[in-house]
């Protein structure tokens, strides 16, 4: 059980070394009508907001008397990031982002990174090594290129994650493949490792700091480093499974869901052609939801209200 108890809302339906899939199911209202659990999903995602924004850079625990102020501070920090503020303005003024939006950086303002943080923490027992939001907010430095920089302290692995939140899963998977092709090259990795190492040196709460600084050092063989890195690729997307069915436990839903997941895994395998593919520990994570646009809009609505509480 992870720190945010995501399993209360999110089910991990499929899991092996290279593929994980998730879903949010249905409940019934007071009149017995089935509904998709969108609101519980939003609250569960936002429960990870403070840790996502600050990591362990301000300690591992928050005093109960500081809980509200910490959440408000986290909301403010999020909206100091240009992409989040611009996307909030779009969604709260009856707009939306298409998958083909010209400015790809705007996609970062749709909370894909926050969902990845929650999934890694609660289903893969990782710890955040670095929060890009914290460093962007407190120091103003350029943030690292990966959407998540986590560690598994038990297996001593570094988790460098990427996340996409799309309507069309194939477009999201395509962009994830592009991220892997751009980021997993020796020069790029050494540059990013150097930036990450410089930041965590100044953080007293970084777990086993010296060990991870050694892993991130620019010396050593690339092949050795890659054996200690897992690369979770999370694609959250709209799926018609939740329109066709209203019970995630039914055999028909399960078969339909599984078939769609396996088709997307096949699409990934057919298009993933990185020259180092045999050396990269890729974990494709697929998270279909009922409506991506509704999810992002409601997340911004809730977060905006939290921000306003602080005046």
C-alpha atoms as a PDB file:
ATOM      1  CA  UNK A   1       0.000   0.000   0.000  1.00  0.00           C
ATOM      2  CA  UNK A   2       1.495   3.303  -1.105  1.00  0.00           C
ATOM      3  CA  UNK A   3       1.474   6.596   0.817  1.00  0.00           C
ATOM      4  CA  UNK A   4      -1.518   7.988  -1.103  1.00  0.00           C
ATOM      5  CA  UNK A   5      -3.590   4.754  -1.144  1.00  0.00           C
ATOM      6  CA  UNK A   6      -4.205   5.126  -4.874  1.00  0.00           C
ATOM      7  CA  UNK A   7      -5.503   1.546  -4.991  1.00  0.00           C
ATOM      8  CA  UNK A   8      -8.718   2.832  -3.394  1.00  0.00           C
ATOM      9  CA  UNK A   9      -9.553   4.418  -6.750  1.00  0.00           C
ATOM     10  CA  UNK A  10      -7.043   3.125  -9.317  1.00  0.00           C
ATOM     11  CA  UNK A  11      -6.765  -0.564 -10.140  1.00  0.00           C
ATOM     12  CA  UNK A  12      -3.599  -2.048 -11.578  1.00  0.00           C
ATOM     13  CA  UNK A  13      -5.175  -4.509 -14.006  1.00  0.00           C
ATOM     14  CA  UNK A  14      -2.090  -5.838 -15.834  1.00  0.00           C
ATOM     15  CA  UNK A  15       1.553  -6.013 -14.764  1.00  0.00           C
ATOM     16  CA  UNK A  16       4.746  -7.597 -16.019  1.00  0.00           C
ATOM     17  CA  UNK A  17       8.328  -6.400 -16.576  1.00  0.00           C
ATOM     18  CA  UNK A  18       7.519  -4.373 -19.693  1.00  0.00           C
ATOM     19  CA  UNK A  19       3.813  -3.496 -19.411  1.00  0.00           C
ATOM     20  CA  UNK A  20       1.518  -2.171 -16.697  1.00  0.00           C
ATOM     21  CA  UNK A  21      -2.051  -1.023 -17.131  1.00  0.00           C
ATOM     22  CA  UNK A  22      -4.425   0.837 -14.856  1.00  0.00           C
ATOM     23  CA  UNK A  23      -8.072   1.787 -14.733  1.00  0.00           C
ATOM     24  CA  UNK A  24     -10.680   3.576 -12.656  1.00  0.00           C
ATOM     25  CA  UNK A  25     -13.975   1.752 -12.442  1.00  0.00           C
ATOM     26  CA  UNK A  26     -17.576   2.498 -11.590  1.00  0.00           C
ATOM     27  CA  UNK A  27     -19.755   2.963  -8.539  1.00  0.00           C
ATOM     28  CA  UNK A  28     -23.495   3.472  -8.032  1.00  0.00           C
ATOM     29  CA  UNK A  29     -25.281   6.580  -6.815  1.00  0.00           C
ATOM     30  CA  UNK A  30     -28.182   6.740  -4.359  1.00  0.00           C
ATOM     31  CA  UNK A  31     -30.649   5.756  -7.077  1.00  0.00           C
ATOM     32  CA  UNK A  32     -28.624   2.744  -8.174  1.00  0.00           C
ATOM     33  CA  UNK A  33     -27.308   4.310 -11.390  1.00  0.00           C
ATOM     34  CA  UNK A  34     -23.738   3.424 -12.325  1.00  0.00           C
ATOM     35  CA  UNK A  35     -21.217   6.231 -12.821  1.00  0.00           C
ATOM     36  CA  UNK A  36     -17.514   6.523 -13.619  1.00  0.00           C
ATOM     37  CA  UNK A  37     -15.460   7.523 -10.568  1.00  0.00           C
ATOM     38  CA  UNK A  38     -13.945  10.687 -12.039  1.00  0.00           C
ATOM     39  CA  UNK A  39     -14.238  12.838  -8.910  1.00  0.00           C
ATOM     40  CA  UNK A  40     -12.538  10.305  -6.594  1.00  0.00           C
ATOM     41  CA  UNK A  41      -9.760  10.003  -9.204  1.00  0.00           C
ATOM     42  CA  UNK A  42      -9.238  13.776  -9.206  1.00  0.00           C
ATOM     43  CA  UNK A  43      -9.073  13.923  -5.413  1.00  0.00           C
ATOM     44  CA  UNK A  44      -6.607  11.032  -5.347  1.00  0.00           C
ATOM     45  CA  UNK A  45      -4.366  12.714  -7.934  1.00  0.00           C
ATOM     46  CA  UNK A  46      -4.430  15.976  -5.977  1.00  0.00           C
ATOM     47  CA  UNK A  47      -3.556  14.141  -2.765  1.00  0.00           C
ATOM     48  CA  UNK A  48      -0.033  13.784  -4.206  1.00  0.00           C
ATOM     49  CA  UNK A  49       0.191  17.484  -5.092  1.00  0.00           C
ATOM     50  CA  UNK A  50       2.354  18.700  -2.225  1.00  0.00           C
ATOM     51  CA  UNK A  51       4.896  15.899  -2.497  1.00  0.00           C
ATOM     52  CA  UNK A  52       4.963  16.287  -6.298  1.00  0.00           C
ATOM     53  CA  UNK A  53       5.697  20.004  -5.942  1.00  0.00           C
ATOM     54  CA  UNK A  54       8.302  19.743  -3.190  1.00  0.00           C
ATOM     55  CA  UNK A  55       9.544  16.153  -3.149  1.00  0.00           C
ATOM     56  CA  UNK A  56      11.457  15.547   0.080  1.00  0.00           C
ATOM     57  CA  UNK A  57      13.285  18.858  -0.269  1.00  0.00           C
ATOM     58  CA  UNK A  58      11.368  20.326   2.677  1.00  0.00           C
ATOM     59  CA  UNK A  59      11.253  17.152   4.770  1.00  0.00           C
ATOM     60  CA  UNK A  60       9.280  13.918   4.540  1.00  0.00           C
ATOM     61  CA  UNK A  61       6.373  14.899   6.789  1.00  0.00           C
ATOM     62  CA  UNK A  62       4.063  17.873   7.220  1.00  0.00           C
ATOM     63  CA  UNK A  63       2.788  18.980  10.611  1.00  0.00           C
ATOM     64  CA  UNK A  64      -0.999  18.607  10.772  1.00  0.00           C
ATOM     65  CA  UNK A  65      -1.349  22.294  11.590  1.00  0.00           C
ATOM     66  CA  UNK A  66       0.450  23.173   8.356  1.00  0.00           C
ATOM     67  CA  UNK A  67      -1.451  20.886   5.980  1.00  0.00           C
ATOM     68  CA  UNK A  68      -3.719  23.530   4.418  1.00  0.00           C
ATOM     69  CA  UNK A  69      -0.977  26.124   4.033  1.00  0.00           C
ATOM     70  CA  UNK A  70       1.324  23.541   2.439  1.00  0.00           C
ATOM     71  CA  UNK A  71      -1.336  22.548  -0.109  1.00  0.00           C
ATOM     72  CA  UNK A  72      -1.977  26.216  -0.949  1.00  0.00           C
ATOM     73  CA  UNK A  73       1.764  26.786  -1.363  1.00  0.00           C
ATOM     74  CA  UNK A  74       1.965  23.768  -3.664  1.00  0.00           C
ATOM     75  CA  UNK A  75      -0.883  25.107  -5.830  1.00  0.00           C
ATOM     76  CA  UNK A  76       0.843  28.480  -6.072  1.00  0.00           C
ATOM     77  CA  UNK A  77       4.110  26.799  -7.019  1.00  0.00           C
ATOM     78  CA  UNK A  78       2.403  24.821  -9.773  1.00  0.00           C
ATOM     79  CA  UNK A  79       0.908  27.959 -11.292  1.00  0.00           C
ATOM     80  CA  UNK A  80       4.267  29.746 -11.234  1.00  0.00           C
ATOM     81  CA  UNK A  81       5.187  27.322 -14.014  1.00  0.00           C
ATOM     82  CA  UNK A  82       4.248  29.098 -17.219  1.00  0.00           C
ATOM     83  CA  UNK A  83       2.756  26.039 -18.940  1.00  0.00           C
ATOM     84  CA  UNK A  84       0.383  25.269 -16.067  1.00  0.00           C
ATOM     85  CA  UNK A  85      -0.864  28.839 -15.850  1.00  0.00           C
ATOM     86  CA  UNK A  86      -1.468  29.081 -19.600  1.00  0.00           C
ATOM     87  CA  UNK A  87      -3.288  25.745 -19.735  1.00  0.00           C
ATOM     88  CA  UNK A  88      -5.419  26.705 -16.730  1.00  0.00           C
ATOM     89  CA  UNK A  89      -6.471  29.886 -18.532  1.00  0.00           C
ATOM     90  CA  UNK A  90      -7.403  27.851 -21.612  1.00  0.00           C
ATOM     91  CA  UNK A  91      -9.485  25.228 -19.781  1.00  0.00           C
ATOM     92  CA  UNK A  92     -11.191  27.628 -17.376  1.00  0.00           C
ATOM     93  CA  UNK A  93     -12.288  29.789 -20.306  1.00  0.00           C
ATOM     94  CA  UNK A  94     -14.139  26.919 -22.010  1.00  0.00           C
ATOM     95  CA  UNK A  95     -11.180  25.914 -24.169  1.00  0.00           C
ATOM     96  CA  UNK A  96      -9.173  22.704 -24.436  1.00  0.00           C
ATOM     97  CA  UNK A  97      -5.901  21.428 -25.854  1.00  0.00           C
ATOM     98  CA  UNK A  98      -5.875  19.118 -28.850  1.00  0.00           C
ATOM     99  CA  UNK A  99      -3.303  16.361 -29.237  1.00  0.00           C
ATOM    100  CA  UNK A 100      -1.810  18.295 -32.150  1.00  0.00           C
ATOM    101  CA  UNK A 101      -1.296  21.606 -30.306  1.00  0.00           C
ATOM    102  CA  UNK A 102       1.593  23.457 -31.929  1.00  0.00           C
ATOM    103  CA  UNK A 103       3.269  24.370 -28.628  1.00  0.00           C
ATOM    104  CA  UNK A 104       4.092  20.948 -27.190  1.00  0.00           C
ATOM    105  CA  UNK A 105       5.331  22.535 -23.949  1.00  0.00           C
ATOM    106  CA  UNK A 106       1.731  23.430 -23.136  1.00  0.00           C
ATOM    107  CA  UNK A 107       1.030  19.697 -22.766  1.00  0.00           C
ATOM    108  CA  UNK A 108       3.101  19.846 -19.576  1.00  0.00           C
ATOM    109  CA  UNK A 109       0.361  21.928 -18.011  1.00  0.00           C
ATOM    110  CA  UNK A 110      -2.116  19.033 -18.137  1.00  0.00           C
ATOM    111  CA  UNK A 111      -0.908  17.125 -15.050  1.00  0.00           C
ATOM    112  CA  UNK A 112       0.572  14.080 -16.777  1.00  0.00           C
ATOM    113  CA  UNK A 113       3.652  14.432 -14.564  1.00  0.00           C
ATOM    114  CA  UNK A 114       1.533  14.507 -11.391  1.00  0.00           C
ATOM    115  CA  UNK A 115      -0.294  11.315 -12.425  1.00  0.00           C
ATOM    116  CA  UNK A 116       3.051   9.626 -13.137  1.00  0.00           C
ATOM    117  CA  UNK A 117       4.303  10.665  -9.690  1.00  0.00           C
ATOM    118  CA  UNK A 118       1.253   9.089  -8.038  1.00  0.00           C
ATOM    119  CA  UNK A 119       1.529   5.842 -10.032  1.00  0.00           C
ATOM    120  CA  UNK A 120       5.250   5.432  -9.311  1.00  0.00           C
ATOM    121  CA  UNK A 121       4.896   6.150  -5.606  1.00  0.00           C
ATOM    122  CA  UNK A 122       1.915   3.928  -4.908  1.00  0.00           C
ATOM    123  CA  UNK A 123       2.341   1.038  -7.345  1.00  0.00           C
ATOM    124  CA  UNK A 124       6.132   0.838  -7.734  1.00  0.00           C
ATOM    125  CA  UNK A 125       7.354   1.906  -4.280  1.00  0.00           C
ATOM    126  CA  UNK A 126       9.667   4.617  -5.535  1.00  0.00           C
ATOM    127  CA  UNK A 127      10.790   7.793  -3.789  1.00  0.00           C
ATOM    128  CA  UNK A 128      11.170  11.160  -5.506  1.00  0.00           C
ATOM    129  CA  UNK A 129      14.835  12.088  -5.800  1.00  0.00           C
ATOM    130  CA  UNK A 130      14.181  15.489  -7.316  1.00  0.00           C
ATOM    131  CA  UNK A 131      11.190  17.780  -7.797  1.00  0.00           C
ATOM    132  CA  UNK A 132      11.375  19.982 -10.883  1.00  0.00           C
ATOM    133  CA  UNK A 133       8.584  22.193  -9.516  1.00  0.00           C
ATOM    134  CA  UNK A 134      10.534  22.880  -6.319  1.00  0.00           C
ATOM    135  CA  UNK A 135      13.682  23.944  -8.125  1.00  0.00           C
ATOM    136  CA  UNK A 136      11.877  26.020 -10.730  1.00  0.00           C
ATOM    137  CA  UNK A 137       9.966  27.810  -7.979  1.00  0.00           C
ATOM    138  CA  UNK A 138      12.700  28.299  -5.393  1.00  0.00           C
ATOM    139  CA  UNK A 139      15.831  28.847  -7.449  1.00  0.00           C
ATOM    140  CA  UNK A 140      14.586  29.695 -10.948  1.00  0.00           C
ATOM    141  CA  UNK A 141      16.951  27.224 -12.622  1.00  0.00           C
ATOM    142  CA  UNK A 142      16.024  25.375 -15.778  1.00  0.00           C
ATOM    143  CA  UNK A 143      14.282  22.160 -14.779  1.00  0.00           C
ATOM    144  CA  UNK A 144      15.535  18.731 -15.785  1.00  0.00           C
ATOM    145  CA  UNK A 145      14.194  17.119 -18.916  1.00  0.00           C
ATOM    146  CA  UNK A 146      12.598  14.010 -17.412  1.00  0.00           C
ATOM    147  CA  UNK A 147       9.030  14.123 -16.133  1.00  0.00           C
ATOM    148  CA  UNK A 148       9.975  12.074 -13.066  1.00  0.00           C
ATOM    149  CA  UNK A 149      13.290  11.420 -11.332  1.00  0.00           C
ATOM    150  CA  UNK A 150      12.635   8.757  -8.690  1.00  0.00           C
ATOM    151  CA  UNK A 151      14.640   6.038  -6.981  1.00  0.00           C
ATOM    152  CA  UNK A 152      13.873   2.544  -5.742  1.00  0.00           C
ATOM    153  CA  UNK A 153      15.922   2.412  -2.522  1.00  0.00           C
ATOM    154  CA  UNK A 154      15.443  -1.344  -2.131  1.00  0.00           C
ATOM    155  CA  UNK A 155      16.609  -2.428  -5.594  1.00  0.00           C
ATOM    156  CA  UNK A 156      18.933   0.580  -5.982  1.00  0.00           C
ATOM    157  CA  UNK A 157      17.487   1.621  -9.328  1.00  0.00           C
ATOM    158  CA  UNK A 158      16.991   5.087 -10.777  1.00  0.00           C
ATOM    159  CA  UNK A 159      13.591   5.710 -12.395  1.00  0.00           C
ATOM    160  CA  UNK A 160      13.598   8.291 -15.200  1.00  0.00           C
ATOM    161  CA  UNK A 161      10.005   8.661 -16.332  1.00  0.00           C
ATOM    162  CA  UNK A 162       8.069  10.338 -19.131  1.00  0.00           C
ATOM    163  CA  UNK A 163       4.346  11.002 -19.186  1.00  0.00           C
ATOM    164  CA  UNK A 164       1.746  11.988 -21.789  1.00  0.00           C
ATOM    165  CA  UNK A 165      -1.915  12.880 -21.342  1.00  0.00           C
ATOM    166  CA  UNK A 166      -3.731  12.604 -24.675  1.00  0.00           C
ATOM    167  CA  UNK A 167      -7.082  11.959 -26.275  1.00  0.00           C
ATOM    168  CA  UNK A 168      -5.576   9.538 -28.808  1.00  0.00           C
ATOM    169  CA  UNK A 169      -3.315   6.936 -27.142  1.00  0.00           C
ATOM    170  CA  UNK A 170      -1.330   6.251 -30.315  1.00  0.00           C
ATOM    171  CA  UNK A 171      -0.294   9.904 -30.509  1.00  0.00           C
ATOM    172  CA  UNK A 172       0.711   9.796 -26.860  1.00  0.00           C
ATOM    173  CA  UNK A 173       2.727   6.621 -27.377  1.00  0.00           C
ATOM    174  CA  UNK A 174       4.370   8.159 -30.446  1.00  0.00           C
ATOM    175  CA  UNK A 175       5.487  11.161 -28.418  1.00  0.00           C
ATOM    176  CA  UNK A 176       6.772   8.904 -25.640  1.00  0.00           C
ATOM    177  CA  UNK A 177       8.866   7.030 -28.202  1.00  0.00           C
ATOM    178  CA  UNK A 178      10.216  10.368 -29.440  1.00  0.00           C
ATOM    179  CA  UNK A 179      11.156  11.314 -25.862  1.00  0.00           C
ATOM    180  CA  UNK A 180      13.117   8.089 -25.439  1.00  0.00           C
ATOM    181  CA  UNK A 181      14.925   8.670 -28.729  1.00  0.00           C
ATOM    182  CA  UNK A 182      15.861  12.229 -27.719  1.00  0.00           C
ATOM    183  CA  UNK A 183      16.754  11.642 -24.076  1.00  0.00           C
ATOM    184  CA  UNK A 184      18.522   8.306 -24.021  1.00  0.00           C
ATOM    185  CA  UNK A 185      21.760   9.240 -25.685  1.00  0.00           C
ATOM    186  CA  UNK A 186      25.113   9.441 -23.917  1.00  0.00           C
ATOM    187  CA  UNK A 187      25.572  13.220 -24.245  1.00  0.00           C
ATOM    188  CA  UNK A 188      22.021  14.051 -23.177  1.00  0.00           C
ATOM    189  CA  UNK A 189      22.099  11.643 -20.220  1.00  0.00           C
ATOM    190  CA  UNK A 190      25.452  12.948 -18.992  1.00  0.00           C
ATOM    191  CA  UNK A 191      24.186  16.523 -19.260  1.00  0.00           C
ATOM    192  CA  UNK A 192      20.996  15.719 -17.349  1.00  0.00           C
ATOM    193  CA  UNK A 193      22.835  13.663 -14.741  1.00  0.00           C
ATOM    194  CA  UNK A 194      25.165  16.590 -14.149  1.00  0.00           C
ATOM    195  CA  UNK A 195      22.232  18.984 -13.655  1.00  0.00           C
ATOM    196  CA  UNK A 196      20.419  16.595 -11.307  1.00  0.00           C
ATOM    197  CA  UNK A 197      23.571  15.932  -9.276  1.00  0.00           C
ATOM    198  CA  UNK A 198      24.221  19.653  -8.815  1.00  0.00           C
ATOM    199  CA  UNK A 199      20.720  20.149  -7.433  1.00  0.00           C
ATOM    200  CA  UNK A 200      20.520  17.195  -5.064  1.00  0.00           C
ATOM    201  CA  UNK A 201      23.928  18.028  -3.535  1.00  0.00           C
ATOM    202  CA  UNK A 202      22.222  20.941  -1.801  1.00  0.00           C
ATOM    203  CA  UNK A 203      19.260  18.951  -0.495  1.00  0.00           C
ATOM    204  CA  UNK A 204      19.738  17.566   2.994  1.00  0.00           C
ATOM    205  CA  UNK A 205      16.822  15.152   2.737  1.00  0.00           C
ATOM    206  CA  UNK A 206      17.981  13.322  -0.405  1.00  0.00           C
ATOM    207  CA  UNK A 207      18.075   9.615   0.587  1.00  0.00           C
ATOM    208  CA  UNK A 208      21.493   7.910   0.306  1.00  0.00           C
ATOM    209  CA  UNK A 209      22.869  10.986  -1.392  1.00  0.00           C
ATOM    210  CA  UNK A 210      26.419   9.738  -2.017  1.00  0.00           C
ATOM    211  CA  UNK A 211      25.244   6.533  -3.692  1.00  0.00           C
ATOM    212  CA  UNK A 212      23.065   8.402  -6.168  1.00  0.00           C
ATOM    213  CA  UNK A 213      25.723  11.027  -6.818  1.00  0.00           C
ATOM    214  CA  UNK A 214      28.043   8.183  -7.792  1.00  0.00           C
ATOM    215  CA  UNK A 215      25.416   6.740 -10.168  1.00  0.00           C
ATOM    216  CA  UNK A 216      24.912  10.185 -11.719  1.00  0.00           C
ATOM    217  CA  UNK A 217      28.619  10.932 -12.140  1.00  0.00           C
ATOM    218  CA  UNK A 218      29.753  11.557 -15.703  1.00  0.00           C
ATOM    219  CA  UNK A 219      32.469   8.920 -15.389  1.00  0.00           C
ATOM    220  CA  UNK A 220      31.894   5.220 -15.920  1.00  0.00           C
ATOM    221  CA  UNK A 221      30.404   3.165 -18.729  1.00  0.00           C
ATOM    222  CA  UNK A 222      27.041   3.998 -20.256  1.00  0.00           C
ATOM    223  CA  UNK A 223      26.160   0.294 -20.421  1.00  0.00           C
ATOM    224  CA  UNK A 224      26.691  -0.029 -16.656  1.00  0.00           C
ATOM    225  CA  UNK A 225      24.546   3.008 -15.906  1.00  0.00           C
ATOM    226  CA  UNK A 226      21.668   1.771 -18.063  1.00  0.00           C
ATOM    227  CA  UNK A 227      21.401  -1.483 -16.104  1.00  0.00           C
ATOM    228  CA  UNK A 228      20.518   0.608 -13.025  1.00  0.00           C
ATOM    229  CA  UNK A 229      17.848   2.716 -14.759  1.00  0.00           C
ATOM    230  CA  UNK A 230      14.170   1.933 -15.274  1.00  0.00           C
ATOM    231  CA  UNK A 231      12.231   4.030 -17.775  1.00  0.00           C
ATOM    232  CA  UNK A 232       8.490   4.196 -17.055  1.00  0.00           C
ATOM    233  CA  UNK A 233       6.511   5.609 -19.969  1.00  0.00           C
ATOM    234  CA  UNK A 234       3.003   6.570 -18.863  1.00  0.00           C
ATOM    235  CA  UNK A 235       0.262   7.334 -21.369  1.00  0.00           C
ATOM    236  CA  UNK A 236      -3.059   8.487 -19.877  1.00  0.00           C
ATOM    237  CA  UNK A 237      -5.759   8.793 -22.526  1.00  0.00           C
ATOM    238  CA  UNK A 238      -9.457   8.801 -23.357  1.00  0.00           C
ATOM    239  CA  UNK A 239     -10.980   5.374 -23.944  1.00  0.00           C
ATOM    240  CA  UNK A 240     -14.442   4.268 -25.050  1.00  0.00           C
ATOM    241  CA  UNK A 241     -14.345   1.214 -22.756  1.00  0.00           C
ATOM    242  CA  UNK A 242     -16.034   3.350 -20.113  1.00  0.00           C
ATOM    243  CA  UNK A 243     -18.799   4.396 -22.500  1.00  0.00           C
ATOM    244  CA  UNK A 244     -19.552   0.896 -23.771  1.00  0.00           C
ATOM    245  CA  UNK A 245     -19.674  -0.701 -20.319  1.00  0.00           C
ATOM    246  CA  UNK A 246     -20.598   0.332 -16.787  1.00  0.00           C
ATOM    247  CA  UNK A 247     -19.010  -2.462 -14.763  1.00  0.00           C
ATOM    248  CA  UNK A 248     -15.246  -2.952 -14.833  1.00  0.00           C
ATOM    249  CA  UNK A 249     -15.617  -6.412 -13.277  1.00  0.00           C
ATOM    250  CA  UNK A 250     -17.768  -7.837 -16.080  1.00  0.00           C
ATOM    251  CA  UNK A 251     -16.175 -10.409 -18.413  1.00  0.00           C
ATOM    252  CA  UNK A 252     -17.144  -8.343 -21.472  1.00  0.00           C
ATOM    253  CA  UNK A 253     -15.442  -5.219 -20.130  1.00  0.00           C
ATOM    254  CA  UNK A 254     -12.362  -7.175 -19.080  1.00  0.00           C
ATOM    255  CA  UNK A 255     -11.964  -8.777 -22.506  1.00  0.00           C
ATOM    256  CA  UNK A 256     -12.512  -5.481 -24.332  1.00  0.00           C
ATOM    257  CA  UNK A 257     -10.106  -3.638 -22.036  1.00  0.00           C
ATOM    258  CA  UNK A 258      -7.379  -6.285 -22.317  1.00  0.00           C
ATOM    259  CA  UNK A 259      -7.645  -6.403 -26.107  1.00  0.00           C
ATOM    260  CA  UNK A 260      -7.238  -2.636 -26.376  1.00  0.00           C
ATOM    261  CA  UNK A 261      -4.230  -2.621 -24.032  1.00  0.00           C
ATOM    262  CA  UNK A 262      -2.495  -5.408 -25.966  1.00  0.00           C
ATOM    263  CA  UNK A 263      -3.159  -3.657 -29.282  1.00  0.00           C
ATOM    264  CA  UNK A 264      -1.482  -0.504 -27.944  1.00  0.00           C
ATOM    265  CA  UNK A 265       1.471  -2.539 -26.661  1.00  0.00           C
ATOM    266  CA  UNK A 266       1.807  -4.040 -30.135  1.00  0.00           C
ATOM    267  CA  UNK A 267       1.697  -0.537 -31.635  1.00  0.00           C
ATOM    268  CA  UNK A 268       4.475   0.529 -29.268  1.00  0.00           C
ATOM    269  CA  UNK A 269       6.632  -2.511 -30.114  1.00  0.00           C
ATOM    270  CA  UNK A 270       6.219  -1.941 -33.856  1.00  0.00           C
ATOM    271  CA  UNK A 271       7.286   1.705 -33.632  1.00  0.00           C
ATOM    272  CA  UNK A 272       9.933   1.639 -30.909  1.00  0.00           C
ATOM    273  CA  UNK A 273      13.235   1.327 -32.764  1.00  0.00           C
ATOM    274  CA  UNK A 274      15.819   2.949 -30.476  1.00  0.00           C
ATOM    275  CA  UNK A 275      19.322   1.637 -31.309  1.00  0.00           C
ATOM    276  CA  UNK A 276      19.869   0.962 -27.586  1.00  0.00           C
ATOM    277  CA  UNK A 277      16.506  -0.772 -27.115  1.00  0.00           C
ATOM    278  CA  UNK A 278      18.131  -3.985 -25.876  1.00  0.00           C
ATOM    279  CA  UNK A 279      19.870  -1.970 -23.138  1.00  0.00           C
ATOM    280  CA  UNK A 280      16.915   0.148 -22.001  1.00  0.00           C
ATOM    281  CA  UNK A 281      14.577  -1.101 -19.275  1.00  0.00           C
ATOM    282  CA  UNK A 282      11.330   0.322 -20.680  1.00  0.00           C
ATOM    283  CA  UNK A 283       8.051  -0.129 -18.790  1.00  0.00           C
ATOM    284  CA  UNK A 284       5.057   0.966 -20.845  1.00  0.00           C
ATOM    285  CA  UNK A 285       2.263   2.142 -18.537  1.00  0.00           C
ATOM    286  CA  UNK A 286      -1.209   2.566 -20.031  1.00  0.00           C
ATOM    287  CA  UNK A 287      -3.942   4.368 -18.116  1.00  0.00           C
ATOM    288  CA  UNK A 288      -7.214   4.741 -20.035  1.00  0.00           C
ATOM    289  CA  UNK A 289      -9.776   7.152 -18.537  1.00  0.00           C
ATOM    290  CA  UNK A 290     -13.310   8.016 -19.545  1.00  0.00           C
ATOM    291  CA  UNK A 291     -12.546  11.551 -20.756  1.00  0.00           C
ATOM    292  CA  UNK A 292      -9.139  13.192 -20.794  1.00  0.00           C
ATOM    293  CA  UNK A 293     -10.517  16.701 -21.368  1.00  0.00           C
ATOM    294  CA  UNK A 294     -12.920  16.428 -18.433  1.00  0.00           C
ATOM    295  CA  UNK A 295     -10.098  15.117 -16.232  1.00  0.00           C
ATOM    296  CA  UNK A 296      -7.747  18.011 -17.002  1.00  0.00           C
ATOM    297  CA  UNK A 297     -10.468  20.642 -16.715  1.00  0.00           C
ATOM    298  CA  UNK A 298     -11.624  19.401 -13.320  1.00  0.00           C
ATOM    299  CA  UNK A 299      -8.052  19.170 -12.045  1.00  0.00           C
ATOM    300  CA  UNK A 300      -7.473  22.811 -12.964  1.00  0.00           C
ATOM    301  CA  UNK A 301     -10.807  23.829 -11.444  1.00  0.00           C
ATOM    302  CA  UNK A 302      -9.954  22.150  -8.134  1.00  0.00           C
ATOM    303  CA  UNK A 303      -6.375  23.402  -8.062  1.00  0.00           C
ATOM    304  CA  UNK A 304      -7.444  26.930  -8.923  1.00  0.00           C
ATOM    305  CA  UNK A 305      -9.890  26.894  -5.994  1.00  0.00           C
ATOM    306  CA  UNK A 306      -7.112  25.707  -3.671  1.00  0.00           C
ATOM    307  CA  UNK A 307      -4.904  28.541  -4.907  1.00  0.00           C
ATOM    308  CA  UNK A 308      -7.682  31.082  -4.276  1.00  0.00           C
ATOM    309  CA  UNK A 309      -8.178  29.942  -0.664  1.00  0.00           C
ATOM    310  CA  UNK A 310      -4.844  31.537   0.154  1.00  0.00           C
ATOM    311  CA  UNK A 311      -5.995  34.886  -1.221  1.00  0.00           C
END
